[in-house]
């Protein structure tokens, strides 16, 4: 009997994360900025443009019984935070340019509003999900490298987008597929003054 319940789709955990979307014209500008690296590293796992977003909180495997609580907690965090104005301010790599595993486009967070949203999500979801140990670095992942590569010249890459508003956050479900995951929008929440 237990095995029958476990085999039902609703008994399986969902892979969830909270993010905000980047306007399409900004993603187009990022694509142009990284074009030289795309040519240089065609075997990298390049994130498809529709999948590009800024993750505020990765939840990972989440039991279906928690989804409504997660939705409510994300909504509370959204209502507790004001909209943020930001822009893409350059390219970088994790952990560094010499051993790049991730190529990213960084976002300006001078007023720390994006960091506050991430901290609100950490706090609001801490009953079921461990808070992030690393400091929040707002970024848009563009590519992943395995094995790591040296991204020469990245520090000289001058790129800055037009400013844009972050006025909502999204609870996403990730469906792992090849060649790229499919992201399903479960709920969208406006920030307090949006």
C-alpha atoms as a PDB file:
ATOM      1  CA  UNK A   1       0.000   0.000   0.000  1.00  0.00           C
ATOM      2  CA  UNK A   2       2.797   2.464   0.907  1.00  0.00           C
ATOM      3  CA  UNK A   3       4.561   1.676  -2.364  1.00  0.00           C
ATOM      4  CA  UNK A   4       1.381   2.564  -4.292  1.00  0.00           C
ATOM      5  CA  UNK A   5       1.224   5.949  -2.552  1.00  0.00           C
ATOM      6  CA  UNK A   6       4.915   6.597  -3.180  1.00  0.00           C
ATOM      7  CA  UNK A   7       4.524   5.938  -6.898  1.00  0.00           C
ATOM      8  CA  UNK A   8       1.841   8.605  -7.306  1.00  0.00           C
ATOM      9  CA  UNK A   9       3.153  11.805  -8.942  1.00  0.00           C
ATOM     10  CA  UNK A  10       1.856  13.957  -6.067  1.00  0.00           C
ATOM     11  CA  UNK A  11       4.035  12.029  -3.599  1.00  0.00           C
ATOM     12  CA  UNK A  12       7.256  13.033  -5.373  1.00  0.00           C
ATOM     13  CA  UNK A  13       9.098  16.203  -4.398  1.00  0.00           C
ATOM     14  CA  UNK A  14       9.037  19.218  -6.681  1.00  0.00           C
ATOM     15  CA  UNK A  15      12.219  21.125  -7.505  1.00  0.00           C
ATOM     16  CA  UNK A  16      11.490  24.768  -6.609  1.00  0.00           C
ATOM     17  CA  UNK A  17      13.261  28.118  -6.622  1.00  0.00           C
ATOM     18  CA  UNK A  18      12.349  31.799  -6.284  1.00  0.00           C
ATOM     19  CA  UNK A  19      13.692  34.276  -8.835  1.00  0.00           C
ATOM     20  CA  UNK A  20      13.034  37.447 -10.732  1.00  0.00           C
ATOM     21  CA  UNK A  21      12.967  37.697 -14.482  1.00  0.00           C
ATOM     22  CA  UNK A  22      15.182  39.906 -16.616  1.00  0.00           C
ATOM     23  CA  UNK A  23      13.545  41.998 -19.373  1.00  0.00           C
ATOM     24  CA  UNK A  24      14.087  40.542 -22.836  1.00  0.00           C
ATOM     25  CA  UNK A  25      16.002  43.564 -24.157  1.00  0.00           C
ATOM     26  CA  UNK A  26      18.472  43.229 -21.258  1.00  0.00           C
ATOM     27  CA  UNK A  27      18.900  39.492 -21.973  1.00  0.00           C
ATOM     28  CA  UNK A  28      19.531  40.404 -25.640  1.00  0.00           C
ATOM     29  CA  UNK A  29      22.250  42.850 -24.554  1.00  0.00           C
ATOM     30  CA  UNK A  30      23.853  40.205 -22.314  1.00  0.00           C
ATOM     31  CA  UNK A  31      23.789  37.716 -25.204  1.00  0.00           C
ATOM     32  CA  UNK A  32      25.667  40.229 -27.377  1.00  0.00           C
ATOM     33  CA  UNK A  33      28.199  40.894 -24.600  1.00  0.00           C
ATOM     34  CA  UNK A  34      29.014  37.189 -24.145  1.00  0.00           C
ATOM     35  CA  UNK A  35      29.123  36.356 -27.873  1.00  0.00           C
ATOM     36  CA  UNK A  36      32.961  36.222 -27.956  1.00  0.00           C
ATOM     37  CA  UNK A  37      32.974  33.645 -25.147  1.00  0.00           C
ATOM     38  CA  UNK A  38      30.210  31.632 -26.806  1.00  0.00           C
ATOM     39  CA  UNK A  39      32.420  31.345 -29.908  1.00  0.00           C
ATOM     40  CA  UNK A  40      35.494  30.496 -27.829  1.00  0.00           C
ATOM     41  CA  UNK A  41      33.708  27.854 -25.682  1.00  0.00           C
ATOM     42  CA  UNK A  42      31.060  26.182 -27.865  1.00  0.00           C
ATOM     43  CA  UNK A  43      31.031  23.083 -25.622  1.00  0.00           C
ATOM     44  CA  UNK A  44      30.012  25.012 -22.521  1.00  0.00           C
ATOM     45  CA  UNK A  45      26.460  24.552 -21.254  1.00  0.00           C
ATOM     46  CA  UNK A  46      24.975  27.856 -22.365  1.00  0.00           C
ATOM     47  CA  UNK A  47      21.778  28.821 -20.556  1.00  0.00           C
ATOM     48  CA  UNK A  48      18.996  29.345 -23.134  1.00  0.00           C
ATOM     49  CA  UNK A  49      17.859  32.961 -23.157  1.00  0.00           C
ATOM     50  CA  UNK A  50      14.269  32.138 -22.027  1.00  0.00           C
ATOM     51  CA  UNK A  51      15.726  30.366 -18.945  1.00  0.00           C
ATOM     52  CA  UNK A  52      17.848  33.300 -17.795  1.00  0.00           C
ATOM     53  CA  UNK A  53      16.720  34.700 -14.449  1.00  0.00           C
ATOM     54  CA  UNK A  54      18.199  35.839 -11.136  1.00  0.00           C
ATOM     55  CA  UNK A  55      17.736  33.264  -8.389  1.00  0.00           C
ATOM     56  CA  UNK A  56      16.867  34.761  -5.014  1.00  0.00           C
ATOM     57  CA  UNK A  57      16.378  31.462  -3.150  1.00  0.00           C
ATOM     58  CA  UNK A  58      16.938  27.894  -4.331  1.00  0.00           C
ATOM     59  CA  UNK A  59      14.698  25.469  -2.460  1.00  0.00           C
ATOM     60  CA  UNK A  60      15.428  22.260  -4.334  1.00  0.00           C
ATOM     61  CA  UNK A  61      13.404  19.153  -3.541  1.00  0.00           C
ATOM     62  CA  UNK A  62      10.158  20.271  -1.875  1.00  0.00           C
ATOM     63  CA  UNK A  63       7.413  17.909  -0.731  1.00  0.00           C
ATOM     64  CA  UNK A  64       4.000  18.662  -2.267  1.00  0.00           C
ATOM     65  CA  UNK A  65       2.473  19.128   1.210  1.00  0.00           C
ATOM     66  CA  UNK A  66       4.743  22.187   1.658  1.00  0.00           C
ATOM     67  CA  UNK A  67       3.978  23.935  -1.634  1.00  0.00           C
ATOM     68  CA  UNK A  68       1.048  26.012  -0.338  1.00  0.00           C
ATOM     69  CA  UNK A  69       3.077  27.099   2.711  1.00  0.00           C
ATOM     70  CA  UNK A  70       6.016  28.000   0.424  1.00  0.00           C
ATOM     71  CA  UNK A  71       3.670  30.018  -1.793  1.00  0.00           C
ATOM     72  CA  UNK A  72       2.317  31.916   1.241  1.00  0.00           C
ATOM     73  CA  UNK A  73       5.826  32.525   2.629  1.00  0.00           C
ATOM     74  CA  UNK A  74       7.116  33.854  -0.717  1.00  0.00           C
ATOM     75  CA  UNK A  75       4.061  36.132  -0.961  1.00  0.00           C
ATOM     76  CA  UNK A  76       4.762  37.529   2.528  1.00  0.00           C
ATOM     77  CA  UNK A  77       8.403  38.196   1.604  1.00  0.00           C
ATOM     78  CA  UNK A  78       7.293  39.995  -1.567  1.00  0.00           C
ATOM     79  CA  UNK A  79       4.824  42.208   0.316  1.00  0.00           C
ATOM     80  CA  UNK A  80       7.540  43.084   2.862  1.00  0.00           C
ATOM     81  CA  UNK A  81       9.915  44.468   0.219  1.00  0.00           C
ATOM     82  CA  UNK A  82       9.915  47.447  -2.127  1.00  0.00           C
ATOM     83  CA  UNK A  83      10.716  47.342  -5.799  1.00  0.00           C
ATOM     84  CA  UNK A  84      14.372  47.563  -6.760  1.00  0.00           C
ATOM     85  CA  UNK A  85      16.013  49.397  -9.628  1.00  0.00           C
ATOM     86  CA  UNK A  86      19.067  47.637 -11.012  1.00  0.00           C
ATOM     87  CA  UNK A  87      21.152  47.072 -14.116  1.00  0.00           C
ATOM     88  CA  UNK A  88      23.653  44.527 -15.371  1.00  0.00           C
ATOM     89  CA  UNK A  89      27.092  45.899 -14.559  1.00  0.00           C
ATOM     90  CA  UNK A  90      29.572  43.438 -16.026  1.00  0.00           C
ATOM     91  CA  UNK A  91      30.614  39.839 -16.446  1.00  0.00           C
ATOM     92  CA  UNK A  92      32.332  37.557 -13.966  1.00  0.00           C
ATOM     93  CA  UNK A  93      33.006  33.939 -13.106  1.00  0.00           C
ATOM     94  CA  UNK A  94      32.572  31.641 -10.129  1.00  0.00           C
ATOM     95  CA  UNK A  95      34.795  30.784  -8.356  1.00  0.00           C
ATOM     96  CA  UNK A  96      37.126  33.066 -10.382  1.00  0.00           C
ATOM     97  CA  UNK A  97      38.340  33.834 -13.932  1.00  0.00           C
ATOM     98  CA  UNK A  98      41.264  31.390 -13.695  1.00  0.00           C
ATOM     99  CA  UNK A  99      39.051  28.417 -12.866  1.00  0.00           C
ATOM    100  CA  UNK A 100      35.686  29.424 -14.246  1.00  0.00           C
ATOM    101  CA  UNK A 101      32.846  26.984 -13.596  1.00  0.00           C
ATOM    102  CA  UNK A 102      30.092  29.574 -14.112  1.00  0.00           C
ATOM    103  CA  UNK A 103      30.047  32.622 -16.377  1.00  0.00           C
ATOM    104  CA  UNK A 104      27.641  35.248 -15.060  1.00  0.00           C
ATOM    105  CA  UNK A 105      26.394  38.769 -15.612  1.00  0.00           C
ATOM    106  CA  UNK A 106      26.386  40.708 -12.333  1.00  0.00           C
ATOM    107  CA  UNK A 107      23.665  43.091 -11.199  1.00  0.00           C
ATOM    108  CA  UNK A 108      24.014  46.395  -9.372  1.00  0.00           C
ATOM    109  CA  UNK A 109      22.548  46.336  -5.839  1.00  0.00           C
ATOM    110  CA  UNK A 110      23.770  49.642  -4.383  1.00  0.00           C
ATOM    111  CA  UNK A 111      20.704  50.085  -2.178  1.00  0.00           C
ATOM    112  CA  UNK A 112      20.875  46.392  -1.149  1.00  0.00           C
ATOM    113  CA  UNK A 113      17.183  45.968  -1.977  1.00  0.00           C
ATOM    114  CA  UNK A 114      17.827  42.723  -3.871  1.00  0.00           C
ATOM    115  CA  UNK A 115      19.862  41.404  -0.928  1.00  0.00           C
ATOM    116  CA  UNK A 116      17.005  42.331   1.424  1.00  0.00           C
ATOM    117  CA  UNK A 117      14.514  40.373  -0.702  1.00  0.00           C
ATOM    118  CA  UNK A 118      16.829  37.336  -0.622  1.00  0.00           C
ATOM    119  CA  UNK A 119      17.242  37.709   3.161  1.00  0.00           C
ATOM    120  CA  UNK A 120      13.446  37.959   3.638  1.00  0.00           C
ATOM    121  CA  UNK A 121      13.011  34.740   1.670  1.00  0.00           C
ATOM    122  CA  UNK A 122      15.736  33.037   3.729  1.00  0.00           C
ATOM    123  CA  UNK A 123      14.062  34.116   6.954  1.00  0.00           C
ATOM    124  CA  UNK A 124      10.497  33.340   5.861  1.00  0.00           C
ATOM    125  CA  UNK A 125      11.378  29.863   4.602  1.00  0.00           C
ATOM    126  CA  UNK A 126      13.865  28.956   7.361  1.00  0.00           C
ATOM    127  CA  UNK A 127      11.428  26.609   9.120  1.00  0.00           C
ATOM    128  CA  UNK A 128      11.836  24.084   6.274  1.00  0.00           C
ATOM    129  CA  UNK A 129      14.846  25.287   4.226  1.00  0.00           C
ATOM    130  CA  UNK A 130      18.348  26.068   5.458  1.00  0.00           C
ATOM    131  CA  UNK A 131      19.355  29.712   5.057  1.00  0.00           C
ATOM    132  CA  UNK A 132      22.066  30.395   2.487  1.00  0.00           C
ATOM    133  CA  UNK A 133      25.546  30.449   4.029  1.00  0.00           C
ATOM    134  CA  UNK A 134      27.150  32.574   1.308  1.00  0.00           C
ATOM    135  CA  UNK A 135      26.512  36.286   0.903  1.00  0.00           C
ATOM    136  CA  UNK A 136      23.896  37.009  -1.775  1.00  0.00           C
ATOM    137  CA  UNK A 137      25.486  38.045  -5.089  1.00  0.00           C
ATOM    138  CA  UNK A 138      22.799  39.022  -7.607  1.00  0.00           C
ATOM    139  CA  UNK A 139      23.754  37.472 -10.938  1.00  0.00           C
ATOM    140  CA  UNK A 140      22.381  35.994 -14.109  1.00  0.00           C
ATOM    141  CA  UNK A 141      24.023  32.645 -14.956  1.00  0.00           C
ATOM    142  CA  UNK A 142      24.980  32.602 -18.627  1.00  0.00           C
ATOM    143  CA  UNK A 143      27.062  29.416 -18.975  1.00  0.00           C
ATOM    144  CA  UNK A 144      28.532  26.494 -17.020  1.00  0.00           C
ATOM    145  CA  UNK A 145      31.879  24.833 -17.700  1.00  0.00           C
ATOM    146  CA  UNK A 146      32.908  21.277 -16.869  1.00  0.00           C
ATOM    147  CA  UNK A 147      35.837  21.016 -16.464  1.00  0.00           C
ATOM    148  CA  UNK A 148      36.577  24.596 -15.345  1.00  0.00           C
ATOM    149  CA  UNK A 149      38.169  26.925 -17.902  1.00  0.00           C
ATOM    150  CA  UNK A 150      40.343  30.024 -17.786  1.00  0.00           C
ATOM    151  CA  UNK A 151      38.267  32.965 -18.972  1.00  0.00           C
ATOM    152  CA  UNK A 152      41.061  35.269 -20.125  1.00  0.00           C
ATOM    153  CA  UNK A 153      40.064  38.866 -20.688  1.00  0.00           C
ATOM    154  CA  UNK A 154      36.879  38.635 -18.656  1.00  0.00           C
ATOM    155  CA  UNK A 155      38.083  41.336 -16.267  1.00  0.00           C
ATOM    156  CA  UNK A 156      38.363  43.678 -19.266  1.00  0.00           C
ATOM    157  CA  UNK A 157      34.827  42.991 -20.477  1.00  0.00           C
ATOM    158  CA  UNK A 158      33.078  46.337 -20.139  1.00  0.00           C
ATOM    159  CA  UNK A 159      29.323  45.925 -20.175  1.00  0.00           C
ATOM    160  CA  UNK A 160      26.517  47.856 -18.559  1.00  0.00           C
ATOM    161  CA  UNK A 161      22.826  47.585 -19.392  1.00  0.00           C
ATOM    162  CA  UNK A 162      20.111  50.181 -19.153  1.00  0.00           C
ATOM    163  CA  UNK A 163      18.499  50.301 -15.675  1.00  0.00           C
ATOM    164  CA  UNK A 164      15.314  48.303 -15.124  1.00  0.00           C
ATOM    165  CA  UNK A 165      12.848  47.723 -12.287  1.00  0.00           C
ATOM    166  CA  UNK A 166      12.426  44.512 -10.344  1.00  0.00           C
ATOM    167  CA  UNK A 167       8.792  44.767  -9.265  1.00  0.00           C
ATOM    168  CA  UNK A 168       7.827  41.103  -8.826  1.00  0.00           C
ATOM    169  CA  UNK A 169       9.260  37.755  -7.844  1.00  0.00           C
ATOM    170  CA  UNK A 170       8.292  34.332  -9.151  1.00  0.00           C
ATOM    171  CA  UNK A 171       8.018  30.890  -7.564  1.00  0.00           C
ATOM    172  CA  UNK A 172       9.247  28.442 -10.202  1.00  0.00           C
ATOM    173  CA  UNK A 173       9.189  24.688 -10.545  1.00  0.00           C
ATOM    174  CA  UNK A 174      12.110  23.220 -12.443  1.00  0.00           C
ATOM    175  CA  UNK A 175      11.562  20.166 -14.660  1.00  0.00           C
ATOM    176  CA  UNK A 176      14.950  18.627 -15.407  1.00  0.00           C
ATOM    177  CA  UNK A 177      15.142  17.863 -19.128  1.00  0.00           C
ATOM    178  CA  UNK A 178      17.776  17.735 -21.852  1.00  0.00           C
ATOM    179  CA  UNK A 179      19.249  19.841 -23.296  1.00  0.00           C
ATOM    180  CA  UNK A 180      17.931  22.391 -20.761  1.00  0.00           C
ATOM    181  CA  UNK A 181      15.457  22.412 -17.864  1.00  0.00           C
ATOM    182  CA  UNK A 182      11.906  23.632 -18.346  1.00  0.00           C
ATOM    183  CA  UNK A 183      10.821  26.260 -15.795  1.00  0.00           C
ATOM    184  CA  UNK A 184       7.157  26.302 -14.821  1.00  0.00           C
ATOM    185  CA  UNK A 185       5.819  29.486 -13.229  1.00  0.00           C
ATOM    186  CA  UNK A 186       3.766  28.450 -10.151  1.00  0.00           C
ATOM    187  CA  UNK A 187       3.012  31.926  -8.774  1.00  0.00           C
ATOM    188  CA  UNK A 188       4.012  35.553  -9.298  1.00  0.00           C
ATOM    189  CA  UNK A 189       4.065  38.097  -6.469  1.00  0.00           C
ATOM    190  CA  UNK A 190       4.257  41.886  -6.805  1.00  0.00           C
ATOM    191  CA  UNK A 191       6.562  43.696  -4.418  1.00  0.00           C
ATOM    192  CA  UNK A 192       5.016  46.076  -1.869  1.00  0.00           C
ATOM    193  CA  UNK A 193       4.938  49.243  -3.954  1.00  0.00           C
ATOM    194  CA  UNK A 194       4.626  47.681  -7.413  1.00  0.00           C
END
